């Protein structure tokens, strides 16, 4: 009976789990719950990315249609340069690709070692000869009070320190000591006379108080920055040529080994077309010109031209100067100029400014002859920087759109790394651009395009190509909007703010250098008129048609360039400049101040 009772009270055996299995069951239920949560979260994230990608693409398509309705060209395929026959292509001439083509912009900013040579050979100048005799003495200056007697010995001139006209008189006397001189295209000065033929002059400077060396240096360096002033005891100072200068003969001799290669370049530049080999489908993977070498070659040619001018050899100077414009031909020739980068366009602008400075030197020295002046005018008449720079802005926008649309995030990170190279994990995690390009939906790139492309359209509207004008007032309003985007960044404007170029500075430089081109064209016509009539005309219109086909207008405002003759037998020629105001021929200290005056 006890057995029966025990059997009735004991639970029947079955599959019930052991106590430890209750914990396993609860864990599995938790795992399932977490998996469900994660699946829901992943679904929400996927839905978020899908919606943002769809919304971004939709907004960009609407933005694109609106811009294209205004005439904007956003399709990169429209800018890809056509193929040209090898025999017409500058970059297919011997050595041109080797010398003047670099790897792509993407590789340049990647931080990887460059495949191009770092040297400027064969256009490197031989080492500057050491000045064994030390500084070359140009003048000795005695400073005395106006009431004091003059120091013993004959003085070449007695000048008043507070007389504005004394600066130019002192500069004239120093030039007579050194012979003609010029500011070189590099940081070196150029002088005509050999060092052993420079005869120091003696100046007496009357001043109420002894000026500092710095003040005296500013007084004496009005026309040539390569003089240096040092105390020589008491109230006496010594004026010497800085060590960074060449005599004209020295520089021509040192650059002579590059002449055969410069002649090879001249031959190549006779070809009408320019196109670097690439498929161009990915804009920032196409090759780019070797800008440093182009600048080096242009500077060498310009300084050789300056040296010939200092020696009075105008024909040889023109031979060198003509090829400074030839370097620009590599950037301006079709079809390469159909898709210029902004950097290419600004290198062209800079080299053009270098060209006008050499023209200016020849006019200041009155060395150019009639035939060279006419040839220079012919070259200047072919310079049109405004449409080139505008097209660069246009092509850059199309290139950016293609890049944002088609480039994988990993490659975008390289492009926006700006050459920082390999970085650690912490650097990456604290870099907003890296985080954005890693985690942002693709649609946010389209939203950035919706911000950047209209802003660049506004930039383009600051260039009036048909009227051959630049409109500074428009750039002012655009700059304020760009500044707002830069200061109030959001995921929809983050990359747009980073990718927008410094368009105001680029536009100012282009406008100023094109203005210098127009002024140089007229200055050459004025010099031709003077050679024929022994004086400058009363009005610029007197140059037409014999000495100028037409009178170019001011790029700012569209009115005539300002011109007047001076009592000293020279002239004043200027543009009203970026501020749009006639300051009566007074230049400003900044690019947006004062008038843009020809020399």
Protein backbone atom coordinates (compact mmCIF):
# COMPACT_ATOMS: atom_id res chain seq x y z
CA UNK A 1 0.00 0.00 0.00
CA UNK A 2 2.84 2.34 0.75
CA UNK A 3 4.20 1.48 -2.61
CA UNK A 4 0.88 2.34 -4.18
CA UNK A 5 0.71 5.62 -2.37
CA UNK A 6 4.23 6.51 -3.38
CA UNK A 7 3.48 5.67 -6.94
CA UNK A 8 0.41 7.87 -6.91
CA UNK A 9 2.27 10.80 -5.34
CA UNK A 10 5.38 10.63 -7.50
CA UNK A 11 5.25 12.58 -10.76
CA UNK A 12 5.20 10.52 -13.85
CA UNK A 13 8.46 10.47 -15.73
CA UNK A 14 8.45 12.66 -18.88
CA UNK A 15 10.50 15.00 -21.08
CA UNK A 16 10.46 17.90 -18.61
CA UNK A 17 13.74 19.81 -18.71
CA UNK A 18 16.34 19.87 -16.08
CA UNK A 19 16.60 23.07 -14.01
CA UNK A 20 19.66 24.24 -16.03
CA UNK A 21 17.72 24.03 -19.29
CA UNK A 22 15.29 26.74 -18.15
CA UNK A 23 18.22 29.23 -18.39
CA UNK A 24 19.10 28.07 -21.92
CA UNK A 25 15.53 28.51 -23.04
CA UNK A 26 15.41 32.04 -21.68
CA UNK A 27 18.73 32.88 -23.43
CA UNK A 28 17.45 31.61 -26.73
CA UNK A 29 14.29 33.67 -26.34
CA UNK A 30 16.48 36.75 -25.65
CA UNK A 31 18.62 36.04 -28.68
CA UNK A 32 15.54 35.80 -30.84
CA UNK A 33 14.26 39.06 -29.43
CA UNK A 34 17.61 40.78 -30.15
CA UNK A 35 17.75 39.29 -33.60
CA UNK A 36 14.28 40.63 -34.24
CA UNK A 37 15.33 44.08 -32.99
CA UNK A 38 18.47 44.01 -35.14
CA UNK A 39 16.49 42.91 -38.18
CA UNK A 40 14.03 45.73 -37.60
CA UNK A 41 16.88 48.20 -37.10
CA UNK A 42 18.66 47.00 -40.25
CA UNK A 43 15.38 47.26 -42.12
CA UNK A 44 14.89 50.82 -40.88
CA UNK A 45 18.47 51.75 -41.78
CA UNK A 46 18.09 50.17 -45.20
CA UNK A 47 14.80 51.97 -45.66
CA UNK A 48 16.43 55.23 -44.54
CA UNK A 49 19.27 54.82 -47.05
CA UNK A 50 16.85 53.84 -49.80
CA UNK A 51 14.60 56.84 -49.15
CA UNK A 52 17.53 59.28 -48.89
CA UNK A 53 19.10 57.87 -52.06
CA UNK A 54 15.79 58.16 -53.91
CA UNK A 55 15.13 61.65 -52.57
CA UNK A 56 18.63 62.85 -53.38
CA UNK A 57 18.50 61.54 -56.94
CA UNK A 58 15.02 63.01 -57.46
CA UNK A 59 16.13 66.45 -56.19
CA UNK A 60 19.25 66.35 -58.35
CA UNK A 61 17.27 65.47 -61.48
CA UNK A 62 14.98 68.43 -60.83
CA UNK A 63 17.99 70.68 -60.20
CA UNK A 64 19.72 69.41 -63.32
CA UNK A 65 16.67 70.08 -65.51
CA UNK A 66 16.36 73.60 -64.10
CA UNK A 67 20.01 74.41 -64.77
CA UNK A 68 19.97 72.92 -68.26
CA UNK A 69 16.92 75.04 -69.06
CA UNK A 70 19.18 78.06 -68.37
CA UNK A 71 21.77 76.73 -70.81
CA UNK A 72 24.05 74.96 -68.31
CA UNK A 73 26.09 72.03 -69.64
CA UNK A 74 26.38 69.39 -66.92
CA UNK A 75 27.16 66.33 -69.02
CA UNK A 76 30.89 65.59 -68.76
CA UNK A 77 30.80 63.80 -72.13
CA UNK A 78 30.28 67.17 -73.80
CA UNK A 79 33.72 68.27 -72.57
CA UNK A 80 35.77 65.22 -73.53
CA UNK A 81 38.28 66.37 -76.17
CA UNK A 82 38.13 64.71 -79.56
CA UNK A 83 41.02 62.67 -80.93
CA UNK A 84 43.52 64.53 -83.15
CA UNK A 85 46.16 63.22 -85.57
CA UNK A 86 49.49 62.57 -83.88
CA UNK A 87 51.37 64.80 -86.32
CA UNK A 88 49.18 67.76 -85.26
CA UNK A 89 49.37 67.08 -81.52
CA UNK A 90 51.91 69.03 -79.46
CA UNK A 91 52.09 66.24 -76.88
CA UNK A 92 53.04 63.72 -79.59
CA UNK A 93 56.12 65.73 -80.56
CA UNK A 94 59.47 64.44 -79.25
CA UNK A 95 59.94 64.83 -75.47
CA UNK A 96 56.71 66.82 -74.92
CA UNK A 97 54.87 64.15 -72.96
CA UNK A 98 57.99 63.33 -70.97
CA UNK A 99 58.52 66.99 -70.07
CA UNK A 100 55.04 68.41 -69.71
CA UNK A 101 52.57 65.64 -68.75
CA UNK A 102 52.05 64.43 -65.19
CA UNK A 103 49.96 61.70 -63.64
CA UNK A 104 46.31 62.34 -62.87
CA UNK A 105 44.99 64.76 -60.28
CA UNK A 106 43.78 61.75 -58.28
CA UNK A 107 47.32 60.36 -58.06
CA UNK A 108 48.73 63.79 -57.31
CA UNK A 109 46.57 64.24 -54.19
CA UNK A 110 46.77 60.61 -53.08
CA UNK A 111 50.04 61.10 -51.23
CA UNK A 112 51.76 58.35 -53.22
CA UNK A 113 55.22 59.05 -54.67
CA UNK A 114 55.03 60.89 -57.98
CA UNK A 115 55.86 58.98 -61.13
CA UNK A 116 57.10 62.21 -62.73
CA UNK A 117 60.62 63.38 -62.18
CA UNK A 118 60.92 65.94 -59.41
CA UNK A 119 63.62 67.85 -61.22
CA UNK A 120 63.04 70.61 -63.75
CA UNK A 121 65.87 69.27 -65.90
CA UNK A 122 66.67 69.93 -68.70
CA UNK A 123 65.46 73.45 -67.84
CA UNK A 124 67.30 73.76 -64.54
CA UNK A 125 69.69 76.67 -64.33
CA UNK A 126 73.32 76.06 -63.49
CA UNK A 127 74.23 77.07 -59.91
CA UNK A 128 74.45 80.80 -59.31
CA UNK A 129 78.11 81.89 -59.35
CA UNK A 130 79.42 82.88 -55.94
CA UNK A 131 80.19 86.58 -55.58
CA UNK A 132 83.75 86.14 -54.38
CA UNK A 133 84.33 89.83 -53.82
CA UNK A 134 81.27 90.17 -51.53
CA UNK A 135 78.43 92.69 -51.97
CA UNK A 136 78.69 94.97 -54.99
CA UNK A 137 78.80 98.58 -53.76
CA UNK A 138 76.46 100.89 -55.66
CA UNK A 139 76.41 104.08 -53.57
CA UNK A 140 77.60 105.75 -50.38
CA UNK A 141 75.09 107.99 -48.62
CA UNK A 142 75.87 110.72 -46.09
CA UNK A 143 72.92 111.96 -44.03
CA UNK A 144 73.20 115.53 -42.76
CA UNK A 145 70.91 118.09 -41.17
CA UNK A 146 69.63 120.76 -43.56
CA UNK A 147 71.57 123.38 -41.54
CA UNK A 148 74.85 121.47 -41.50
CA UNK A 149 77.63 122.05 -44.04
CA UNK A 150 78.00 119.40 -46.73
CA UNK A 151 80.60 116.70 -46.08
CA UNK A 152 83.95 117.09 -47.83
CA UNK A 153 84.33 115.61 -51.28
CA UNK A 154 82.23 115.95 -54.39
CA UNK A 155 78.69 114.56 -54.17
CA UNK A 156 76.86 113.31 -57.21
CA UNK A 157 73.64 114.77 -55.80
CA UNK A 158 72.25 116.50 -52.72
CA UNK A 159 68.67 115.38 -52.00
CA UNK A 160 66.00 116.20 -49.44
CA UNK A 161 64.65 113.13 -47.65
CA UNK A 162 61.17 114.70 -47.35
CA UNK A 163 61.00 115.72 -51.02
CA UNK A 164 58.68 113.33 -52.96
CA UNK A 165 60.57 114.01 -56.19
CA UNK A 166 63.87 113.02 -54.55
CA UNK A 167 62.94 109.30 -54.59
CA UNK A 168 62.76 109.16 -58.36
CA UNK A 169 65.92 111.27 -58.66
CA UNK A 170 67.79 108.87 -56.36
CA UNK A 171 66.47 105.87 -58.31
CA UNK A 172 67.67 107.46 -61.55
CA UNK A 173 71.16 107.99 -60.13
CA UNK A 174 71.36 104.41 -58.85
CA UNK A 175 70.27 103.11 -62.28
CA UNK A 176 73.04 105.16 -63.84
CA UNK A 177 75.47 103.39 -61.50
CA UNK A 178 74.28 99.86 -62.27
CA UNK A 179 73.08 100.44 -65.80
CA UNK A 180 69.58 99.28 -66.81
CA UNK A 181 68.03 96.77 -64.42
CA UNK A 182 64.89 94.68 -64.14
CA UNK A 183 62.98 92.59 -61.62
CA UNK A 184 63.51 89.02 -62.80
CA UNK A 185 60.64 86.60 -63.28
CA UNK A 186 62.05 84.66 -60.32
CA UNK A 187 63.26 86.25 -57.09
CA UNK A 188 66.54 87.37 -58.65
CA UNK A 189 67.36 90.84 -59.92
CA UNK A 190 68.87 91.43 -63.36
CA UNK A 191 71.38 94.19 -64.16
CA UNK A 192 72.94 95.10 -67.48
CA UNK A 193 76.41 96.12 -66.37
CA UNK A 194 79.08 93.62 -65.28
CA UNK A 195 79.85 93.83 -61.57
CA UNK A 196 83.40 95.16 -62.09
CA UNK A 197 82.05 98.04 -64.19
CA UNK A 198 79.63 99.35 -61.55
CA UNK A 199 81.04 102.62 -60.25
CA UNK A 200 79.65 103.68 -56.84
CA UNK A 201 78.09 107.13 -56.56
CA UNK A 202 78.11 109.52 -53.60
CA UNK A 203 74.78 110.90 -52.36
CA UNK A 204 74.16 113.50 -49.66
CA UNK A 205 70.75 113.22 -48.06
CA UNK A 206 69.44 116.13 -46.02
CA UNK A 207 67.05 115.07 -43.25
CA UNK A 208 65.88 116.51 -39.91
CA UNK A 209 66.68 113.18 -38.24
CA UNK A 210 68.83 110.28 -39.34
CA UNK A 211 66.49 107.73 -40.97
CA UNK A 212 66.64 104.05 -40.11
CA UNK A 213 68.21 101.61 -42.54
CA UNK A 214 64.71 100.32 -43.35
CA UNK A 215 63.37 103.80 -44.11
CA UNK A 216 66.39 104.60 -46.25
CA UNK A 217 66.02 101.27 -48.06
CA UNK A 218 62.41 102.15 -48.92
CA UNK A 219 63.55 105.58 -50.11
CA UNK A 220 66.25 104.21 -52.41
CA UNK A 221 64.49 101.05 -53.65
CA UNK A 222 61.59 102.80 -55.33
CA UNK A 223 62.34 101.33 -58.74
CA UNK A 224 64.46 98.25 -57.94
CA UNK A 225 63.98 96.01 -54.92
CA UNK A 226 67.43 94.42 -55.04
CA UNK A 227 69.33 97.22 -53.32
CA UNK A 228 70.16 96.77 -49.65
CA UNK A 229 71.20 99.50 -47.22
CA UNK A 230 73.60 98.95 -44.32
CA UNK A 231 75.06 101.41 -41.74
CA UNK A 232 78.70 102.28 -42.34
CA UNK A 233 79.39 104.21 -39.12
CA UNK A 234 78.21 107.63 -38.02
CA UNK A 235 75.64 109.05 -40.40
CA UNK A 236 77.00 107.16 -43.40
CA UNK A 237 75.31 104.27 -45.17
CA UNK A 238 76.38 101.89 -47.92
CA UNK A 239 74.02 100.79 -50.71
CA UNK A 240 74.87 97.46 -52.34
CA UNK A 241 73.29 94.98 -54.68
CA UNK A 242 71.79 92.02 -52.89
CA UNK A 243 73.53 88.72 -53.53
CA UNK A 244 70.48 87.36 -55.39
CA UNK A 245 71.14 89.04 -58.72
CA UNK A 246 72.55 88.17 -62.12
CA UNK A 247 74.20 90.34 -64.66
CA UNK A 248 72.52 89.94 -68.05
CA UNK A 249 75.57 88.22 -69.54
CA UNK A 250 75.80 85.82 -66.57
CA UNK A 251 72.21 84.68 -66.85
CA UNK A 252 72.37 84.17 -70.62
CA UNK A 253 75.52 82.08 -70.21
CA UNK A 254 74.08 79.97 -67.39
CA UNK A 255 70.87 79.28 -69.32
CA UNK A 256 72.63 78.56 -72.59
CA UNK A 257 72.75 74.74 -72.04
CA UNK A 258 68.91 74.70 -72.15
CA UNK A 259 68.75 76.42 -75.55
CA UNK A 260 68.72 73.18 -77.66
CA UNK A 261 65.77 71.90 -75.63
CA UNK A 262 64.03 75.26 -75.87
CA UNK A 263 64.44 75.02 -79.65
CA UNK A 264 62.89 71.53 -79.55
CA UNK A 265 59.96 73.04 -77.65
CA UNK A 266 59.63 75.81 -80.24
CA UNK A 267 59.37 73.22 -82.98
CA UNK A 268 56.70 71.25 -81.11
CA UNK A 269 54.65 74.38 -80.46
CA UNK A 270 54.25 74.90 -84.20
CA UNK A 271 51.66 72.10 -84.09
CA UNK A 272 48.05 73.37 -83.92
CA UNK A 273 46.49 70.91 -81.44
CA UNK A 274 47.04 69.71 -77.89
CA UNK A 275 45.59 66.55 -76.35
CA UNK A 276 47.09 64.32 -73.65
CA UNK A 277 46.40 60.59 -73.98
CA UNK A 278 43.55 59.40 -71.74
CA UNK A 279 40.04 57.99 -72.03
CA UNK A 280 38.74 61.02 -70.02
CA UNK A 281 35.71 59.08 -68.73
CA UNK A 282 36.74 59.65 -65.11
CA UNK A 283 37.65 63.35 -64.95
CA UNK A 284 40.08 63.26 -62.04
CA UNK A 285 41.96 60.27 -63.39
CA UNK A 286 43.01 61.94 -66.62
CA UNK A 287 46.59 63.25 -66.88
CA UNK A 288 47.35 66.88 -66.10
CA UNK A 289 50.03 69.24 -67.43
CA UNK A 290 53.27 69.50 -65.48
CA UNK A 291 52.52 72.99 -64.16
CA UNK A 292 55.81 73.51 -62.31
CA UNK A 293 57.86 72.73 -65.39
CA UNK A 294 55.68 74.96 -67.57
CA UNK A 295 56.21 77.81 -65.13
CA UNK A 296 59.96 77.12 -64.99
CA UNK A 297 60.26 77.19 -68.78
CA UNK A 298 58.20 80.38 -69.03
CA UNK A 299 60.34 82.07 -66.37
CA UNK A 300 63.56 81.06 -68.10
CA UNK A 301 62.32 82.39 -71.44
CA UNK A 302 61.08 85.59 -69.81
CA UNK A 303 64.37 86.23 -68.01
CA UNK A 304 66.37 85.56 -71.14
CA UNK A 305 64.17 88.11 -72.92
CA UNK A 306 64.74 90.61 -70.09
CA UNK A 307 68.50 90.11 -70.31
CA UNK A 308 68.49 90.79 -74.04
CA UNK A 309 66.42 93.92 -73.42
CA UNK A 310 68.93 95.12 -70.82
CA UNK A 311 71.67 94.62 -73.41
CA UNK A 312 69.65 96.53 -76.03
CA UNK A 313 69.12 93.46 -78.26
CA UNK A 314 65.41 93.75 -79.05
CA UNK A 315 65.27 91.13 -81.82
CA UNK A 316 66.78 88.43 -79.58
CA UNK A 317 64.45 89.52 -76.76
CA UNK A 318 61.41 89.09 -79.02
CA UNK A 319 62.64 85.63 -80.05
CA UNK A 320 62.47 84.54 -76.39
CA UNK A 321 59.31 86.46 -75.47
CA UNK A 322 57.28 84.96 -78.31
CA UNK A 323 57.78 81.51 -76.78
CA UNK A 324 56.44 82.62 -73.41
CA UNK A 325 53.09 82.83 -75.17
CA UNK A 326 53.97 79.55 -76.85
CA UNK A 327 53.93 77.81 -73.46
CA UNK A 328 50.33 79.01 -73.10
CA UNK A 329 49.59 77.38 -76.47
CA UNK A 330 49.87 73.97 -74.77
CA UNK A 331 46.97 75.02 -72.52
CA UNK A 332 44.90 76.99 -75.02
CA UNK A 333 45.13 74.85 -78.16
CA UNK A 334 42.11 72.82 -79.20
CA UNK A 335 40.81 70.35 -78.17
CA UNK A 336 42.50 70.51 -74.73
CA UNK A 337 40.97 73.92 -74.08
CA UNK A 338 37.50 72.36 -74.37
CA UNK A 339 37.88 70.87 -70.88
CA UNK A 340 40.47 72.90 -68.95
CA UNK A 341 40.77 72.53 -65.21
CA UNK A 342 40.71 75.75 -63.23
CA UNK A 343 44.35 75.17 -62.26
CA UNK A 344 45.31 74.95 -65.96
CA UNK A 345 43.44 78.16 -66.71
CA UNK A 346 45.10 80.01 -63.83
CA UNK A 347 48.57 78.83 -64.89
CA UNK A 348 47.75 80.33 -68.29
CA UNK A 349 46.67 83.56 -66.56
CA UNK A 350 49.92 83.69 -64.55
CA UNK A 351 52.16 83.09 -67.58
CA UNK A 352 50.24 85.77 -69.48
CA UNK A 353 50.96 88.21 -66.66
CA UNK A 354 54.64 87.29 -66.93
CA UNK A 355 54.50 88.02 -70.66
CA UNK A 356 53.06 91.51 -70.14
CA UNK A 357 55.72 92.33 -67.53
CA UNK A 358 58.46 91.68 -70.10
CA UNK A 359 56.62 93.83 -72.65
CA UNK A 360 56.51 96.51 -69.98
CA UNK A 361 60.28 96.27 -69.36
CA UNK A 362 61.00 96.79 -73.04
CA UNK A 363 58.73 99.84 -73.20
CA UNK A 364 60.23 101.30 -70.01
CA UNK A 365 63.72 100.88 -71.43
CA UNK A 366 62.51 102.06 -74.86
CA UNK A 367 64.25 99.16 -76.57
CA UNK A 368 61.45 97.65 -78.69
CA UNK A 369 61.50 98.61 -82.37
CA UNK A 370 58.50 99.12 -84.65
CA UNK A 371 58.52 95.61 -86.09
CA UNK A 372 58.70 93.95 -82.67
CA UNK A 373 55.97 96.17 -81.27
CA UNK A 374 53.66 95.23 -84.15
CA UNK A 375 54.40 91.52 -83.63
CA UNK A 376 53.76 91.82 -79.89
CA UNK A 377 50.42 93.50 -80.58
CA UNK A 378 49.49 90.65 -82.89
CA UNK A 379 50.15 88.13 -80.11
CA UNK A 380 48.34 90.23 -77.50
CA UNK A 381 45.27 90.52 -79.72
CA UNK A 382 44.90 86.72 -79.60
CA UNK A 383 44.80 86.55 -75.77
CA UNK A 384 41.28 85.94 -74.44
CA UNK A 385 41.47 84.82 -70.82
CA UNK A 386 37.84 85.50 -69.92
CA UNK A 387 36.24 82.70 -72.00
CA UNK A 388 39.04 80.30 -71.02
CA UNK A 389 38.50 80.80 -67.28
CA UNK A 390 34.73 80.70 -67.64
CA UNK A 391 34.98 77.43 -69.55
CA UNK A 392 37.24 76.08 -66.79
CA UNK A 393 34.56 76.81 -64.19
CA UNK A 394 32.01 75.15 -66.48
CA UNK A 395 34.14 72.06 -67.06
CA UNK A 396 35.02 71.76 -63.37
CA UNK A 397 31.33 71.69 -62.48
CA UNK A 398 30.61 68.95 -65.02
CA UNK A 399 33.66 67.02 -63.80
CA UNK A 400 32.50 67.30 -60.18
CA UNK A 401 29.01 66.10 -61.10
CA UNK A 402 30.39 63.09 -62.99
CA UNK A 403 32.75 62.32 -60.10
CA UNK A 404 30.07 62.51 -57.40
CA UNK A 405 27.73 60.37 -59.48
CA UNK A 406 30.09 57.61 -60.54
CA UNK A 407 33.10 57.45 -58.22
CA UNK A 408 33.21 54.77 -55.49
CA UNK A 409 33.44 56.11 -51.91
CA UNK A 410 36.99 54.75 -51.52
CA UNK A 411 38.19 56.84 -54.47
CA UNK A 412 36.29 59.88 -53.25
CA UNK A 413 38.14 59.60 -49.95
CA UNK A 414 41.44 59.75 -51.83
CA UNK A 415 40.34 62.79 -53.80
CA UNK A 416 39.27 64.65 -50.67
CA UNK A 417 42.35 63.64 -48.67
CA UNK A 418 44.37 66.36 -50.46
CA UNK A 419 47.63 64.44 -50.30
CA UNK A 420 47.59 63.53 -46.61
CA UNK A 421 48.66 59.97 -47.46
CA UNK A 422 48.27 57.04 -45.07
CA UNK A 423 46.45 57.92 -41.85
CA UNK A 424 45.79 56.10 -38.61
CA UNK A 425 42.41 54.92 -37.35
CA UNK A 426 42.09 57.83 -34.91
CA UNK A 427 42.85 60.36 -37.67
CA UNK A 428 40.14 58.84 -39.83
CA UNK A 429 37.56 58.71 -37.05
CA UNK A 430 38.12 62.40 -36.27
CA UNK A 431 37.98 63.46 -39.92
CA UNK A 432 34.44 64.67 -40.82
CA UNK A 433 35.06 64.18 -44.55
CA UNK A 434 36.17 60.57 -44.06
CA UNK A 435 33.16 59.83 -41.86
CA UNK A 436 30.79 61.50 -44.29
CA UNK A 437 32.10 59.61 -47.32
CA UNK A 438 32.08 56.34 -45.35
CA UNK A 439 28.60 56.45 -43.86
CA UNK A 440 26.52 59.03 -45.73
CA UNK A 441 23.82 57.80 -48.12
CA UNK A 442 24.65 58.27 -51.78
CA UNK A 443 21.64 60.55 -51.98
CA UNK A 444 23.42 63.08 -49.80
CA UNK A 445 26.08 63.41 -52.49
CA UNK A 446 23.27 64.33 -54.88
CA UNK A 447 22.00 66.87 -52.35
CA UNK A 448 25.48 68.41 -52.27
CA UNK A 449 25.36 68.63 -56.05
CA UNK A 450 22.03 70.44 -55.70
CA UNK A 451 23.84 73.05 -53.58
CA UNK A 452 27.12 73.31 -55.49
CA UNK A 453 25.94 73.31 -59.12
CA UNK A 454 23.57 76.33 -58.76
CA UNK A 455 26.27 78.28 -56.91
CA UNK A 456 28.70 77.60 -59.75
CA UNK A 457 26.01 78.70 -62.21
CA UNK A 458 25.91 82.02 -60.37
CA UNK A 459 29.70 82.24 -60.68
CA UNK A 460 29.42 81.70 -64.44
CA UNK A 461 26.91 84.55 -64.63
CA UNK A 462 29.63 86.88 -63.33
CA UNK A 463 31.38 86.51 -66.72
CA UNK A 464 29.79 88.34 -69.65
CA UNK A 465 31.61 86.66 -72.54
CA UNK A 466 29.55 88.27 -75.31
CA UNK A 467 30.13 91.73 -73.83
CA UNK A 468 33.75 90.90 -72.88
CA UNK A 469 33.23 92.05 -69.30
CA UNK A 470 33.62 90.80 -65.75
CA UNK A 471 30.89 91.84 -63.29
CA UNK A 472 32.41 92.36 -59.82
CA UNK A 473 29.04 93.27 -58.30
CA UNK A 474 27.71 89.78 -59.05
CA UNK A 475 30.77 88.17 -57.49
CA UNK A 476 30.16 90.14 -54.30
CA UNK A 477 26.65 88.73 -53.88
CA UNK A 478 27.81 85.20 -54.78
CA UNK A 479 30.64 85.39 -52.24
CA UNK A 480 28.19 86.15 -49.45
CA UNK A 481 26.05 83.13 -50.38
CA UNK A 482 29.09 80.85 -50.56
CA UNK A 483 30.22 82.14 -47.18
CA UNK A 484 26.79 81.29 -45.76
CA UNK A 485 27.10 77.74 -47.11
CA UNK A 486 30.61 77.44 -45.67
CA UNK A 487 29.60 78.65 -42.20
CA UNK A 488 26.31 76.77 -41.98
CA UNK A 489 27.35 73.39 -43.24
CA UNK A 490 24.92 70.51 -43.26
CA UNK A 491 25.10 66.98 -44.68
CA UNK A 492 23.49 68.43 -47.81
CA UNK A 493 26.20 71.07 -48.33
CA UNK A 494 29.28 69.56 -46.67
CA UNK A 495 31.19 68.52 -49.81
CA UNK A 496 29.84 71.39 -51.92
CA UNK A 497 31.48 73.90 -49.56
CA UNK A 498 34.78 71.99 -49.66
CA UNK A 499 34.77 71.57 -53.45
CA UNK A 500 33.96 75.17 -54.43
CA UNK A 501 37.13 76.95 -55.67
CA UNK A 502 38.26 80.39 -54.56
CA UNK A 503 36.37 81.91 -57.47
CA UNK A 504 36.71 85.55 -56.40
CA UNK A 505 40.52 85.46 -56.35
CA UNK A 506 40.63 83.49 -59.60
CA UNK A 507 38.27 85.95 -61.28
CA UNK A 508 40.17 88.97 -60.00
CA UNK A 509 43.51 87.59 -61.23
CA UNK A 510 42.04 86.79 -64.63
CA UNK A 511 40.40 90.23 -64.95
CA UNK A 512 43.56 92.04 -63.89
CA UNK A 513 45.86 90.12 -66.24
CA UNK A 514 43.48 90.43 -69.19
CA UNK A 515 43.36 94.15 -68.42
CA UNK A 516 47.17 94.20 -68.48
CA UNK A 517 47.02 92.47 -71.88
CA UNK A 518 44.66 95.16 -73.20
CA UNK A 519 46.80 97.92 -71.72
CA UNK A 520 49.98 96.36 -73.14
CA UNK A 521 48.33 96.24 -76.57
CA UNK A 522 47.55 99.96 -76.35
CA UNK A 523 50.95 100.82 -74.84
CA UNK A 524 52.68 99.17 -77.81
CA UNK A 525 50.43 101.19 -80.15
CA UNK A 526 51.28 104.35 -78.21
CA UNK A 527 55.00 103.61 -78.52
CA UNK A 528 54.66 103.01 -82.26
CA UNK A 529 52.85 106.37 -82.52
CA UNK A 530 55.66 108.06 -80.56
CA UNK A 531 58.31 106.55 -82.81
CA UNK A 532 56.45 107.93 -85.82
CA UNK A 533 55.43 111.35 -84.40
CA UNK A 534 57.94 111.94 -81.57
CA UNK A 535 55.14 112.32 -79.03
CA UNK A 536 52.16 110.44 -77.68
CA UNK A 537 48.69 111.23 -79.04
CA UNK A 538 46.10 113.25 -77.17
CA UNK A 539 43.54 110.44 -77.38
CA UNK A 540 43.71 106.68 -77.82
CA UNK A 541 41.43 106.87 -80.85
CA UNK A 542 44.31 108.46 -82.78
CA UNK A 543 45.95 105.02 -82.88
CA UNK A 544 43.18 103.54 -85.06
CA UNK A 545 43.68 102.05 -87.60
CA UNK A 546 47.44 102.44 -88.22
CA UNK A 547 48.74 101.51 -84.77
CA UNK A 548 45.76 99.53 -83.42
CA UNK A 549 42.90 97.83 -85.19
CA UNK A 550 40.57 98.98 -82.40
CA UNK A 551 40.70 100.39 -78.87
CA UNK A 552 39.80 97.64 -76.35
CA UNK A 553 37.30 98.66 -73.68
CA UNK A 554 37.72 98.30 -69.93
CA UNK A 555 36.92 94.77 -68.79
CA UNK A 556 35.32 96.35 -65.70
CA UNK A 557 32.33 98.51 -66.59
CA UNK A 558 32.74 98.25 -70.34
CA UNK A 559 33.78 101.88 -70.84
CA UNK A 560 36.95 103.10 -72.54
CA UNK A 561 40.29 102.66 -70.77
CA UNK A 562 41.40 105.88 -69.06
CA UNK A 563 44.29 107.70 -70.74
CA UNK A 564 46.12 111.02 -70.49
CA UNK A 565 49.50 112.43 -71.40
CA UNK A 566 51.82 113.72 -68.67
CA UNK A 567 53.94 116.85 -68.56
CA UNK A 568 57.07 114.69 -68.37
CA UNK A 569 56.45 113.28 -71.85
CA UNK A 570 54.95 109.96 -70.72
CA UNK A 571 51.36 108.86 -70.30
CA UNK A 572 48.97 107.34 -67.76
CA UNK A 573 46.82 104.39 -68.89
CA UNK A 574 44.53 102.53 -66.51
CA UNK A 575 41.38 100.56 -65.80
CA UNK A 576 38.98 101.55 -63.03
CA UNK A 577 39.70 98.18 -61.41
CA UNK A 578 37.66 95.74 -59.34
CA UNK A 579 36.04 98.43 -57.19
CA UNK A 580 34.44 99.92 -60.32
CA UNK A 581 35.47 103.45 -59.31
CA UNK A 582 37.77 105.87 -61.11
CA UNK A 583 40.57 106.66 -58.64
CA UNK A 584 42.36 108.93 -61.14
CA UNK A 585 45.08 106.43 -61.89
CA UNK A 586 46.05 105.70 -58.28
CA UNK A 587 46.68 101.98 -57.70
CA UNK A 588 45.50 100.22 -54.55
CA UNK A 589 47.33 97.97 -52.14
CA UNK A 590 44.95 95.03 -52.70
CA UNK A 591 43.46 93.52 -55.85
CA UNK A 592 40.03 94.97 -55.10
CA UNK A 593 41.31 98.48 -54.35
CA UNK A 594 42.31 101.39 -56.57
CA UNK A 595 42.87 101.44 -60.31
CA UNK A 596 44.74 98.91 -62.41
CA UNK A 597 47.49 101.10 -63.82
CA UNK A 598 49.88 100.30 -66.67
CA UNK A 599 53.29 100.55 -65.03
